[in-house]
């Protein structure tokens, strides 16, 4: 008995020492969407800053598929040592719980929350060749030509997909949804005109809006984006009461030592509060938060509750 207790005590001490020394090797930051999208953009900014803060490389690993679920599941199943973490989103940690008949993971119990990093407006855009300069003109065209037009999003069950479905419902129009494995591939087809209407996150759309290669019709938040004050909100543009957004947060696998979570939180919060990083994030429309793990846990719970009736009302499911 005493020998067993001694071994257990030694293991606890060893584990504590390992947590205190963390990190001793590179960390993989899984971005569950393709390169070029909003989550990837924010992830790379955060990884760069955390590498400097922690003294070890934080490497971005894009693991796309199933609206973020593939990458999130990989992190949930990873060793709980802090060396594999997730750039989670509203898609992985708020929507998946209601989209799947049998969710692949529990967003509240299968992850250790680290920090809510930023909130991000979504934006409705069209290819410049598409004959609509305002939301009202788009609605009129969609009503005049039903079952003719399609819109792109970053994938089935993503907040951008739901933004499109909510728009269809509230505006009384019809469009075919064309899902992609991330915003990057969706933007390629929007830019070419293959699918000329797209709901995207503001960060990944910013350079195209500035260049004039995509025309923004409205942001999806109730307040205008500080980086694009001339772009109206959907509420202002003709769909009263419309509101969606997204967010990015860091998660580790459940069971990650609290000391490791604390170190990751400290590094992440320091990064988003760095004035230079804040300016970079604000420039692409992201609003810095930098929460505690406890605040992120409460946020996830509230978001699951908020989106469940929206998803049920829209009749959106993912197989």
C-alpha atoms as a PDB file:
ATOM      1  CA  UNK A   1       0.000   0.000   0.000  1.00  0.00           C
ATOM      2  CA  UNK A   2       2.747   2.419   0.991  1.00  0.00           C
ATOM      3  CA  UNK A   3       4.686   1.495  -2.137  1.00  0.00           C
ATOM      4  CA  UNK A   4       1.633   2.200  -4.302  1.00  0.00           C
ATOM      5  CA  UNK A   5       1.136   5.586  -2.650  1.00  0.00           C
ATOM      6  CA  UNK A   6       4.798   6.389  -3.116  1.00  0.00           C
ATOM      7  CA  UNK A   7       4.630   5.597  -6.840  1.00  0.00           C
ATOM      8  CA  UNK A   8       1.463   7.663  -7.225  1.00  0.00           C
ATOM      9  CA  UNK A   9       3.062  10.563  -5.408  1.00  0.00           C
ATOM     10  CA  UNK A  10       6.144  10.360  -7.592  1.00  0.00           C
ATOM     11  CA  UNK A  11       3.994  10.417 -10.727  1.00  0.00           C
ATOM     12  CA  UNK A  12       2.119  13.498  -9.483  1.00  0.00           C
ATOM     13  CA  UNK A  13       5.397  15.292  -8.713  1.00  0.00           C
ATOM     14  CA  UNK A  14       6.823  14.326 -12.116  1.00  0.00           C
ATOM     15  CA  UNK A  15       3.671  15.517 -13.875  1.00  0.00           C
ATOM     16  CA  UNK A  16       3.761  18.797 -11.983  1.00  0.00           C
ATOM     17  CA  UNK A  17       7.413  19.316 -12.877  1.00  0.00           C
ATOM     18  CA  UNK A  18       6.667  18.655 -16.557  1.00  0.00           C
ATOM     19  CA  UNK A  19       3.839  21.194 -16.443  1.00  0.00           C
ATOM     20  CA  UNK A  20       6.129  23.780 -14.863  1.00  0.00           C
ATOM     21  CA  UNK A  21       8.755  23.221 -17.581  1.00  0.00           C
ATOM     22  CA  UNK A  22       6.156  23.474 -20.363  1.00  0.00           C
ATOM     23  CA  UNK A  23       6.767  23.892 -23.244  1.00  0.00           C
ATOM     24  CA  UNK A  24       9.909  21.945 -24.059  1.00  0.00           C
ATOM     25  CA  UNK A  25       9.087  21.296 -27.732  1.00  0.00           C
ATOM     26  CA  UNK A  26       7.003  22.850 -30.539  1.00  0.00           C
ATOM     27  CA  UNK A  27       3.222  23.100 -30.153  1.00  0.00           C
ATOM     28  CA  UNK A  28       0.789  22.235 -32.948  1.00  0.00           C
ATOM     29  CA  UNK A  29      -2.071  24.714 -33.351  1.00  0.00           C
ATOM     30  CA  UNK A  30      -4.753  22.937 -35.352  1.00  0.00           C
ATOM     31  CA  UNK A  31      -6.773  25.283 -37.555  1.00  0.00           C
ATOM     32  CA  UNK A  32      -9.826  23.227 -38.585  1.00  0.00           C
ATOM     33  CA  UNK A  33     -10.316  25.060 -41.881  1.00  0.00           C
ATOM     34  CA  UNK A  34      -8.314  25.486 -45.082  1.00  0.00           C
ATOM     35  CA  UNK A  35      -5.521  28.022 -45.436  1.00  0.00           C
ATOM     36  CA  UNK A  36      -6.573  31.495 -46.539  1.00  0.00           C
ATOM     37  CA  UNK A  37      -9.717  31.812 -44.442  1.00  0.00           C
ATOM     38  CA  UNK A  38     -10.473  33.971 -41.418  1.00  0.00           C
ATOM     39  CA  UNK A  39      -9.670  31.307 -38.829  1.00  0.00           C
ATOM     40  CA  UNK A  40      -6.370  30.566 -40.568  1.00  0.00           C
ATOM     41  CA  UNK A  41      -5.495  34.264 -40.716  1.00  0.00           C
ATOM     42  CA  UNK A  42      -6.205  34.831 -37.016  1.00  0.00           C
ATOM     43  CA  UNK A  43      -4.488  31.531 -36.148  1.00  0.00           C
ATOM     44  CA  UNK A  44      -1.255  32.534 -37.864  1.00  0.00           C
ATOM     45  CA  UNK A  45      -1.176  35.909 -36.125  1.00  0.00           C
ATOM     46  CA  UNK A  46      -1.720  34.214 -32.757  1.00  0.00           C
ATOM     47  CA  UNK A  47       0.809  31.430 -33.457  1.00  0.00           C
ATOM     48  CA  UNK A  48       3.502  33.942 -34.336  1.00  0.00           C
ATOM     49  CA  UNK A  49       2.961  35.872 -31.127  1.00  0.00           C
ATOM     50  CA  UNK A  50       2.689  32.806 -28.892  1.00  0.00           C
ATOM     51  CA  UNK A  51       5.929  31.425 -30.331  1.00  0.00           C
ATOM     52  CA  UNK A  52       7.697  34.527 -29.052  1.00  0.00           C
ATOM     53  CA  UNK A  53       5.898  34.436 -25.703  1.00  0.00           C
ATOM     54  CA  UNK A  54       6.568  30.732 -25.006  1.00  0.00           C
ATOM     55  CA  UNK A  55      10.048  30.382 -26.480  1.00  0.00           C
ATOM     56  CA  UNK A  56       8.917  27.433 -28.621  1.00  0.00           C
ATOM     57  CA  UNK A  57       7.490  27.345 -32.113  1.00  0.00           C
ATOM     58  CA  UNK A  58       3.696  27.239 -32.353  1.00  0.00           C
ATOM     59  CA  UNK A  59       3.071  25.583 -35.709  1.00  0.00           C
ATOM     60  CA  UNK A  60      -0.196  26.045 -37.612  1.00  0.00           C
ATOM     61  CA  UNK A  61      -1.612  22.752 -38.895  1.00  0.00           C
ATOM     62  CA  UNK A  62      -4.594  23.109 -41.257  1.00  0.00           C
ATOM     63  CA  UNK A  63      -6.903  20.124 -40.807  1.00  0.00           C
ATOM     64  CA  UNK A  64     -10.092  20.997 -42.688  1.00  0.00           C
ATOM     65  CA  UNK A  65     -13.331  19.121 -43.189  1.00  0.00           C
ATOM     66  CA  UNK A  66     -16.943  18.832 -42.023  1.00  0.00           C
ATOM     67  CA  UNK A  67     -17.259  22.492 -41.052  1.00  0.00           C
ATOM     68  CA  UNK A  68     -14.333  22.336 -38.633  1.00  0.00           C
ATOM     69  CA  UNK A  69     -15.366  19.073 -36.975  1.00  0.00           C
ATOM     70  CA  UNK A  70     -12.493  16.992 -38.424  1.00  0.00           C
ATOM     71  CA  UNK A  71      -9.788  19.184 -36.897  1.00  0.00           C
ATOM     72  CA  UNK A  72     -11.667  19.672 -33.631  1.00  0.00           C
ATOM     73  CA  UNK A  73     -12.147  15.919 -33.222  1.00  0.00           C
ATOM     74  CA  UNK A  74      -8.432  15.352 -33.809  1.00  0.00           C
ATOM     75  CA  UNK A  75      -7.598  17.740 -30.974  1.00  0.00           C
ATOM     76  CA  UNK A  76     -10.214  16.242 -28.640  1.00  0.00           C
ATOM     77  CA  UNK A  77      -8.544  12.852 -29.194  1.00  0.00           C
ATOM     78  CA  UNK A  78      -4.972  14.149 -28.831  1.00  0.00           C
ATOM     79  CA  UNK A  79      -2.806  13.634 -25.717  1.00  0.00           C
ATOM     80  CA  UNK A  80      -3.774  16.076 -22.974  1.00  0.00           C
ATOM     81  CA  UNK A  81      -0.314  17.579 -22.634  1.00  0.00           C
ATOM     82  CA  UNK A  82      -0.748  21.016 -24.230  1.00  0.00           C
ATOM     83  CA  UNK A  83       1.293  20.245 -27.326  1.00  0.00           C
ATOM     84  CA  UNK A  84      -1.792  19.976 -29.557  1.00  0.00           C
ATOM     85  CA  UNK A  85      -4.283  22.814 -29.262  1.00  0.00           C
ATOM     86  CA  UNK A  86      -7.219  24.014 -31.345  1.00  0.00           C
ATOM     87  CA  UNK A  87      -8.205  27.324 -32.893  1.00  0.00           C
ATOM     88  CA  UNK A  88     -11.871  26.734 -32.146  1.00  0.00           C
ATOM     89  CA  UNK A  89     -14.761  28.707 -33.561  1.00  0.00           C
ATOM     90  CA  UNK A  90     -18.478  29.144 -33.190  1.00  0.00           C
ATOM     91  CA  UNK A  91     -18.772  26.306 -35.740  1.00  0.00           C
ATOM     92  CA  UNK A  92     -16.833  23.767 -33.681  1.00  0.00           C
ATOM     93  CA  UNK A  93     -18.002  24.755 -30.216  1.00  0.00           C
ATOM     94  CA  UNK A  94     -21.509  26.210 -30.560  1.00  0.00           C
ATOM     95  CA  UNK A  95     -23.106  24.915 -33.742  1.00  0.00           C
ATOM     96  CA  UNK A  96     -21.904  21.301 -33.924  1.00  0.00           C
ATOM     97  CA  UNK A  97     -23.815  20.332 -30.788  1.00  0.00           C
ATOM     98  CA  UNK A  98     -27.120  21.065 -32.549  1.00  0.00           C
ATOM     99  CA  UNK A  99     -26.237  20.237 -36.160  1.00  0.00           C
ATOM    100  CA  UNK A 100     -25.441  16.566 -35.650  1.00  0.00           C
ATOM    101  CA  UNK A 101     -27.906  13.905 -34.517  1.00  0.00           C
ATOM    102  CA  UNK A 102     -24.942  12.284 -32.775  1.00  0.00           C
ATOM    103  CA  UNK A 103     -22.336  15.009 -32.173  1.00  0.00           C
ATOM    104  CA  UNK A 104     -18.752  13.721 -32.562  1.00  0.00           C
ATOM    105  CA  UNK A 105     -17.683  15.439 -29.356  1.00  0.00           C
ATOM    106  CA  UNK A 106     -19.074  17.452 -26.466  1.00  0.00           C
ATOM    107  CA  UNK A 107     -17.768  21.039 -26.705  1.00  0.00           C
ATOM    108  CA  UNK A 108     -18.131  21.505 -22.952  1.00  0.00           C
ATOM    109  CA  UNK A 109     -16.536  18.297 -21.642  1.00  0.00           C
ATOM    110  CA  UNK A 110     -14.093  17.124 -24.324  1.00  0.00           C
ATOM    111  CA  UNK A 111     -11.952  20.272 -24.263  1.00  0.00           C
ATOM    112  CA  UNK A 112     -10.099  22.435 -21.774  1.00  0.00           C
ATOM    113  CA  UNK A 113     -10.924  26.087 -22.594  1.00  0.00           C
ATOM    114  CA  UNK A 114      -7.924  28.415 -22.807  1.00  0.00           C
ATOM    115  CA  UNK A 115      -9.080  31.846 -24.037  1.00  0.00           C
ATOM    116  CA  UNK A 116     -11.690  33.561 -26.197  1.00  0.00           C
ATOM    117  CA  UNK A 117      -9.386  35.573 -28.458  1.00  0.00           C
ATOM    118  CA  UNK A 118     -11.511  37.655 -30.846  1.00  0.00           C
ATOM    119  CA  UNK A 119     -15.009  38.165 -32.168  1.00  0.00           C
ATOM    120  CA  UNK A 120     -15.440  38.646 -35.906  1.00  0.00           C
ATOM    121  CA  UNK A 121     -18.254  40.109 -38.058  1.00  0.00           C
ATOM    122  CA  UNK A 122     -19.426  38.194 -41.100  1.00  0.00           C
ATOM    123  CA  UNK A 123     -20.055  39.980 -44.388  1.00  0.00           C
ATOM    124  CA  UNK A 124     -22.245  39.450 -47.454  1.00  0.00           C
ATOM    125  CA  UNK A 125     -20.324  40.057 -50.678  1.00  0.00           C
ATOM    126  CA  UNK A 126     -20.861  39.711 -54.416  1.00  0.00           C
ATOM    127  CA  UNK A 127     -18.556  39.520 -57.380  1.00  0.00           C
ATOM    128  CA  UNK A 128     -18.274  43.027 -58.949  1.00  0.00           C
ATOM    129  CA  UNK A 129     -19.819  41.685 -62.156  1.00  0.00           C
ATOM    130  CA  UNK A 130     -22.968  40.583 -60.322  1.00  0.00           C
ATOM    131  CA  UNK A 131     -25.780  43.110 -60.895  1.00  0.00           C
ATOM    132  CA  UNK A 132     -26.485  44.123 -57.298  1.00  0.00           C
ATOM    133  CA  UNK A 133     -24.972  47.094 -55.481  1.00  0.00           C
ATOM    134  CA  UNK A 134     -27.112  46.902 -52.346  1.00  0.00           C
ATOM    135  CA  UNK A 135     -28.871  44.278 -50.254  1.00  0.00           C
ATOM    136  CA  UNK A 136     -32.219  45.571 -51.515  1.00  0.00           C
ATOM    137  CA  UNK A 137     -31.097  45.105 -55.134  1.00  0.00           C
ATOM    138  CA  UNK A 138     -29.872  41.588 -54.342  1.00  0.00           C
ATOM    139  CA  UNK A 139     -33.178  40.666 -52.710  1.00  0.00           C
ATOM    140  CA  UNK A 140     -35.101  42.035 -55.683  1.00  0.00           C
ATOM    141  CA  UNK A 141     -33.007  40.024 -58.144  1.00  0.00           C
ATOM    142  CA  UNK A 142     -33.307  36.811 -56.112  1.00  0.00           C
ATOM    143  CA  UNK A 143     -37.090  37.231 -55.937  1.00  0.00           C
ATOM    144  CA  UNK A 144     -37.318  37.957 -59.656  1.00  0.00           C
ATOM    145  CA  UNK A 145     -35.174  34.921 -60.520  1.00  0.00           C
ATOM    146  CA  UNK A 146     -36.030  32.211 -57.963  1.00  0.00           C
ATOM    147  CA  UNK A 147     -34.004  28.988 -57.844  1.00  0.00           C
ATOM    148  CA  UNK A 148     -31.430  30.541 -60.169  1.00  0.00           C
ATOM    149  CA  UNK A 149     -28.604  31.805 -57.960  1.00  0.00           C
ATOM    150  CA  UNK A 150     -26.192  30.221 -55.460  1.00  0.00           C
ATOM    151  CA  UNK A 151     -24.079  31.428 -52.586  1.00  0.00           C
ATOM    152  CA  UNK A 152     -20.765  30.104 -51.277  1.00  0.00           C
ATOM    153  CA  UNK A 153     -19.735  29.464 -47.687  1.00  0.00           C
ATOM    154  CA  UNK A 154     -16.835  27.864 -45.836  1.00  0.00           C
ATOM    155  CA  UNK A 155     -18.764  24.611 -45.329  1.00  0.00           C
ATOM    156  CA  UNK A 156     -21.934  22.856 -44.230  1.00  0.00           C
ATOM    157  CA  UNK A 157     -22.988  23.832 -40.735  1.00  0.00           C
ATOM    158  CA  UNK A 158     -20.552  26.731 -40.448  1.00  0.00           C
ATOM    159  CA  UNK A 159     -21.686  30.134 -39.170  1.00  0.00           C
ATOM    160  CA  UNK A 160     -21.387  31.434 -42.736  1.00  0.00           C
ATOM    161  CA  UNK A 161     -23.748  28.706 -43.968  1.00  0.00           C
ATOM    162  CA  UNK A 162     -26.190  29.636 -41.200  1.00  0.00           C
ATOM    163  CA  UNK A 163     -25.747  33.328 -42.040  1.00  0.00           C
ATOM    164  CA  UNK A 164     -26.903  32.511 -45.562  1.00  0.00           C
ATOM    165  CA  UNK A 165     -29.831  30.400 -44.433  1.00  0.00           C
ATOM    166  CA  UNK A 166     -30.938  33.073 -41.963  1.00  0.00           C
ATOM    167  CA  UNK A 167     -30.736  35.669 -44.752  1.00  0.00           C
ATOM    168  CA  UNK A 168     -32.873  33.487 -47.033  1.00  0.00           C
ATOM    169  CA  UNK A 169     -35.463  33.014 -44.303  1.00  0.00           C
ATOM    170  CA  UNK A 170     -35.660  36.630 -43.161  1.00  0.00           C
ATOM    171  CA  UNK A 171     -35.516  38.158 -46.671  1.00  0.00           C
ATOM    172  CA  UNK A 172     -37.921  35.625 -48.169  1.00  0.00           C
ATOM    173  CA  UNK A 173     -35.557  34.597 -50.990  1.00  0.00           C
ATOM    174  CA  UNK A 174     -34.108  31.374 -52.357  1.00  0.00           C
ATOM    175  CA  UNK A 175     -30.479  30.514 -53.126  1.00  0.00           C
ATOM    176  CA  UNK A 176     -28.634  27.221 -53.496  1.00  0.00           C
ATOM    177  CA  UNK A 177     -25.926  26.706 -50.868  1.00  0.00           C
ATOM    178  CA  UNK A 178     -22.502  25.688 -52.232  1.00  0.00           C
ATOM    179  CA  UNK A 179     -20.255  24.533 -49.353  1.00  0.00           C
ATOM    180  CA  UNK A 180     -16.435  24.528 -49.456  1.00  0.00           C
ATOM    181  CA  UNK A 181     -13.737  23.255 -47.103  1.00  0.00           C
ATOM    182  CA  UNK A 182     -12.930  26.682 -45.734  1.00  0.00           C
ATOM    183  CA  UNK A 183     -13.187  30.313 -46.815  1.00  0.00           C
ATOM    184  CA  UNK A 184     -10.073  30.140 -48.990  1.00  0.00           C
ATOM    185  CA  UNK A 185     -11.562  27.817 -51.639  1.00  0.00           C
ATOM    186  CA  UNK A 186     -14.941  29.582 -51.408  1.00  0.00           C
ATOM    187  CA  UNK A 187     -13.287  32.930 -52.117  1.00  0.00           C
ATOM    188  CA  UNK A 188     -11.573  31.521 -55.210  1.00  0.00           C
ATOM    189  CA  UNK A 189     -14.932  30.765 -56.813  1.00  0.00           C
ATOM    190  CA  UNK A 190     -16.472  34.037 -55.653  1.00  0.00           C
ATOM    191  CA  UNK A 191     -13.568  35.963 -57.175  1.00  0.00           C
ATOM    192  CA  UNK A 192     -13.853  34.072 -60.462  1.00  0.00           C
ATOM    193  CA  UNK A 193     -17.619  34.554 -60.559  1.00  0.00           C
ATOM    194  CA  UNK A 194     -18.317  30.816 -60.552  1.00  0.00           C
ATOM    195  CA  UNK A 195     -20.420  31.370 -57.407  1.00  0.00           C
ATOM    196  CA  UNK A 196     -20.807  35.159 -57.320  1.00  0.00           C
ATOM    197  CA  UNK A 197     -22.491  35.529 -53.918  1.00  0.00           C
ATOM    198  CA  UNK A 198     -20.643  34.665 -50.707  1.00  0.00           C
ATOM    199  CA  UNK A 199     -20.980  34.964 -46.961  1.00  0.00           C
ATOM    200  CA  UNK A 200     -17.506  35.269 -45.458  1.00  0.00           C
ATOM    201  CA  UNK A 201     -15.745  36.414 -42.305  1.00  0.00           C
ATOM    202  CA  UNK A 202     -14.515  39.989 -42.454  1.00  0.00           C
ATOM    203  CA  UNK A 203     -10.802  39.164 -41.861  1.00  0.00           C
ATOM    204  CA  UNK A 204     -10.480  36.843 -44.866  1.00  0.00           C
ATOM    205  CA  UNK A 205     -12.555  39.158 -47.072  1.00  0.00           C
ATOM    206  CA  UNK A 206     -10.747  42.370 -46.118  1.00  0.00           C
ATOM    207  CA  UNK A 207      -8.052  42.412 -48.808  1.00  0.00           C
ATOM    208  CA  UNK A 208     -10.616  41.692 -51.527  1.00  0.00           C
ATOM    209  CA  UNK A 209     -12.898  44.445 -50.250  1.00  0.00           C
ATOM    210  CA  UNK A 210     -10.021  46.928 -50.245  1.00  0.00           C
ATOM    211  CA  UNK A 211      -8.920  45.853 -53.710  1.00  0.00           C
ATOM    212  CA  UNK A 212     -12.444  46.057 -55.111  1.00  0.00           C
ATOM    213  CA  UNK A 213     -12.345  42.442 -56.289  1.00  0.00           C
ATOM    214  CA  UNK A 214     -15.405  41.685 -54.156  1.00  0.00           C
ATOM    215  CA  UNK A 215     -18.211  44.121 -53.385  1.00  0.00           C
ATOM    216  CA  UNK A 216     -19.458  44.187 -49.763  1.00  0.00           C
ATOM    217  CA  UNK A 217     -23.208  44.657 -49.407  1.00  0.00           C
ATOM    218  CA  UNK A 218     -23.537  44.432 -45.617  1.00  0.00           C
ATOM    219  CA  UNK A 219     -21.893  43.238 -42.417  1.00  0.00           C
ATOM    220  CA  UNK A 220     -23.937  40.847 -40.295  1.00  0.00           C
ATOM    221  CA  UNK A 221     -23.472  42.488 -36.896  1.00  0.00           C
ATOM    222  CA  UNK A 222     -25.848  45.106 -35.477  1.00  0.00           C
ATOM    223  CA  UNK A 223     -23.014  47.661 -35.460  1.00  0.00           C
ATOM    224  CA  UNK A 224     -20.879  48.654 -38.435  1.00  0.00           C
ATOM    225  CA  UNK A 225     -17.303  47.342 -38.547  1.00  0.00           C
ATOM    226  CA  UNK A 226     -14.758  49.951 -37.465  1.00  0.00           C
ATOM    227  CA  UNK A 227     -12.451  48.938 -40.325  1.00  0.00           C
ATOM    228  CA  UNK A 228     -15.210  49.490 -42.932  1.00  0.00           C
ATOM    229  CA  UNK A 229     -17.492  52.208 -41.538  1.00  0.00           C
ATOM    230  CA  UNK A 230     -19.133  52.831 -44.925  1.00  0.00           C
ATOM    231  CA  UNK A 231     -20.463  49.269 -45.212  1.00  0.00           C
ATOM    232  CA  UNK A 232     -23.991  49.128 -43.730  1.00  0.00           C
ATOM    233  CA  UNK A 233     -25.274  46.477 -41.388  1.00  0.00           C
ATOM    234  CA  UNK A 234     -27.755  43.933 -42.710  1.00  0.00           C
ATOM    235  CA  UNK A 235     -30.303  45.467 -40.354  1.00  0.00           C
ATOM    236  CA  UNK A 236     -29.766  48.897 -41.931  1.00  0.00           C
ATOM    237  CA  UNK A 237     -29.633  47.520 -45.469  1.00  0.00           C
ATOM    238  CA  UNK A 238     -33.094  46.013 -45.545  1.00  0.00           C
ATOM    239  CA  UNK A 239     -33.270  42.938 -43.303  1.00  0.00           C
ATOM    240  CA  UNK A 240     -34.414  44.309 -39.913  1.00  0.00           C
ATOM    241  CA  UNK A 241     -33.210  42.418 -36.860  1.00  0.00           C
ATOM    242  CA  UNK A 242     -30.666  40.308 -38.758  1.00  0.00           C
ATOM    243  CA  UNK A 243     -27.530  39.509 -36.716  1.00  0.00           C
ATOM    244  CA  UNK A 244     -24.790  36.862 -36.877  1.00  0.00           C
ATOM    245  CA  UNK A 245     -21.081  36.813 -36.098  1.00  0.00           C
ATOM    246  CA  UNK A 246     -18.306  34.388 -35.320  1.00  0.00           C
ATOM    247  CA  UNK A 247     -15.407  34.103 -32.903  1.00  0.00           C
ATOM    248  CA  UNK A 248     -12.052  32.405 -32.424  1.00  0.00           C
ATOM    249  CA  UNK A 249     -10.882  30.756 -29.222  1.00  0.00           C
ATOM    250  CA  UNK A 250      -8.123  28.426 -28.058  1.00  0.00           C
ATOM    251  CA  UNK A 251      -8.881  24.977 -26.627  1.00  0.00           C
ATOM    252  CA  UNK A 252      -6.766  22.060 -25.424  1.00  0.00           C
ATOM    253  CA  UNK A 253      -7.897  18.450 -24.966  1.00  0.00           C
ATOM    254  CA  UNK A 254      -9.844  17.768 -21.762  1.00  0.00           C
ATOM    255  CA  UNK A 255      -7.545  16.735 -18.937  1.00  0.00           C
ATOM    256  CA  UNK A 256      -4.720  19.089 -19.884  1.00  0.00           C
ATOM    257  CA  UNK A 257      -2.956  20.085 -16.618  1.00  0.00           C
ATOM    258  CA  UNK A 258      -4.236  23.388 -15.222  1.00  0.00           C
ATOM    259  CA  UNK A 259      -0.677  24.718 -15.046  1.00  0.00           C
ATOM    260  CA  UNK A 260      -0.278  24.144 -18.793  1.00  0.00           C
ATOM    261  CA  UNK A 261      -3.646  25.767 -19.552  1.00  0.00           C
ATOM    262  CA  UNK A 262      -2.608  28.741 -17.423  1.00  0.00           C
ATOM    263  CA  UNK A 263       0.660  29.147 -19.353  1.00  0.00           C
ATOM    264  CA  UNK A 264      -1.130  28.944 -22.685  1.00  0.00           C
ATOM    265  CA  UNK A 265      -3.742  31.438 -21.503  1.00  0.00           C
ATOM    266  CA  UNK A 266      -1.113  33.861 -20.270  1.00  0.00           C
ATOM    267  CA  UNK A 267       0.724  33.721 -23.588  1.00  0.00           C
ATOM    268  CA  UNK A 268      -2.425  34.066 -25.716  1.00  0.00           C
ATOM    269  CA  UNK A 269      -3.811  36.998 -23.726  1.00  0.00           C
ATOM    270  CA  UNK A 270      -0.444  38.763 -23.887  1.00  0.00           C
ATOM    271  CA  UNK A 271      -0.424  38.333 -27.672  1.00  0.00           C
ATOM    272  CA  UNK A 272      -3.905  39.748 -28.349  1.00  0.00           C
ATOM    273  CA  UNK A 273      -3.252  42.680 -26.015  1.00  0.00           C
ATOM    274  CA  UNK A 274       0.024  43.582 -27.703  1.00  0.00           C
ATOM    275  CA  UNK A 275      -0.608  46.958 -29.400  1.00  0.00           C
ATOM    276  CA  UNK A 276       0.938  45.851 -32.714  1.00  0.00           C
ATOM    277  CA  UNK A 277      -1.152  42.662 -32.787  1.00  0.00           C
ATOM    278  CA  UNK A 278      -4.277  44.576 -31.790  1.00  0.00           C
ATOM    279  CA  UNK A 279      -3.706  46.897 -34.733  1.00  0.00           C
ATOM    280  CA  UNK A 280      -3.245  43.956 -37.130  1.00  0.00           C
ATOM    281  CA  UNK A 281      -6.407  42.269 -35.893  1.00  0.00           C
ATOM    282  CA  UNK A 282      -8.437  45.490 -35.933  1.00  0.00           C
ATOM    283  CA  UNK A 283      -7.266  46.086 -39.491  1.00  0.00           C
ATOM    284  CA  UNK A 284      -9.086  42.948 -40.611  1.00  0.00           C
ATOM    285  CA  UNK A 285     -12.186  43.601 -38.524  1.00  0.00           C
ATOM    286  CA  UNK A 286     -11.478  41.360 -35.517  1.00  0.00           C
ATOM    287  CA  UNK A 287     -12.386  42.672 -32.055  1.00  0.00           C
ATOM    288  CA  UNK A 288      -9.972  41.566 -29.316  1.00  0.00           C
ATOM    289  CA  UNK A 289     -11.317  39.843 -26.188  1.00  0.00           C
ATOM    290  CA  UNK A 290      -8.565  37.809 -24.446  1.00  0.00           C
ATOM    291  CA  UNK A 291     -10.661  36.017 -21.817  1.00  0.00           C
ATOM    292  CA  UNK A 292      -9.920  33.680 -18.941  1.00  0.00           C
ATOM    293  CA  UNK A 293     -10.577  29.934 -19.333  1.00  0.00           C
ATOM    294  CA  UNK A 294     -13.629  30.270 -17.088  1.00  0.00           C
ATOM    295  CA  UNK A 295     -15.059  33.093 -19.184  1.00  0.00           C
ATOM    296  CA  UNK A 296     -14.580  31.032 -22.347  1.00  0.00           C
ATOM    297  CA  UNK A 297     -16.368  28.051 -20.785  1.00  0.00           C
ATOM    298  CA  UNK A 298     -19.342  30.277 -19.913  1.00  0.00           C
ATOM    299  CA  UNK A 299     -19.300  31.770 -23.430  1.00  0.00           C
ATOM    300  CA  UNK A 300     -19.425  28.323 -25.071  1.00  0.00           C
ATOM    301  CA  UNK A 301     -22.366  27.284 -22.911  1.00  0.00           C
ATOM    302  CA  UNK A 302     -24.268  30.485 -23.737  1.00  0.00           C
ATOM    303  CA  UNK A 303     -23.559  30.159 -27.472  1.00  0.00           C
ATOM    304  CA  UNK A 304     -24.796  26.546 -27.616  1.00  0.00           C
ATOM    305  CA  UNK A 305     -28.035  27.699 -25.968  1.00  0.00           C
ATOM    306  CA  UNK A 306     -28.345  30.732 -28.277  1.00  0.00           C
ATOM    307  CA  UNK A 307     -27.868  28.868 -31.576  1.00  0.00           C
ATOM    308  CA  UNK A 308     -29.890  25.715 -30.895  1.00  0.00           C
ATOM    309  CA  UNK A 309     -33.329  27.284 -31.673  1.00  0.00           C
ATOM    310  CA  UNK A 310     -31.892  29.119 -34.714  1.00  0.00           C
ATOM    311  CA  UNK A 311     -30.572  25.865 -36.193  1.00  0.00           C
ATOM    312  CA  UNK A 312     -33.818  24.036 -35.456  1.00  0.00           C
ATOM    313  CA  UNK A 313     -35.909  26.819 -37.019  1.00  0.00           C
ATOM    314  CA  UNK A 314     -33.719  26.825 -40.154  1.00  0.00           C
ATOM    315  CA  UNK A 315     -33.936  23.037 -40.411  1.00  0.00           C
ATOM    316  CA  UNK A 316     -30.187  22.738 -41.001  1.00  0.00           C
ATOM    317  CA  UNK A 317     -28.594  19.364 -40.263  1.00  0.00           C
ATOM    318  CA  UNK A 318     -25.257  17.749 -41.092  1.00  0.00           C
ATOM    319  CA  UNK A 319     -24.813  14.026 -41.684  1.00  0.00           C
END
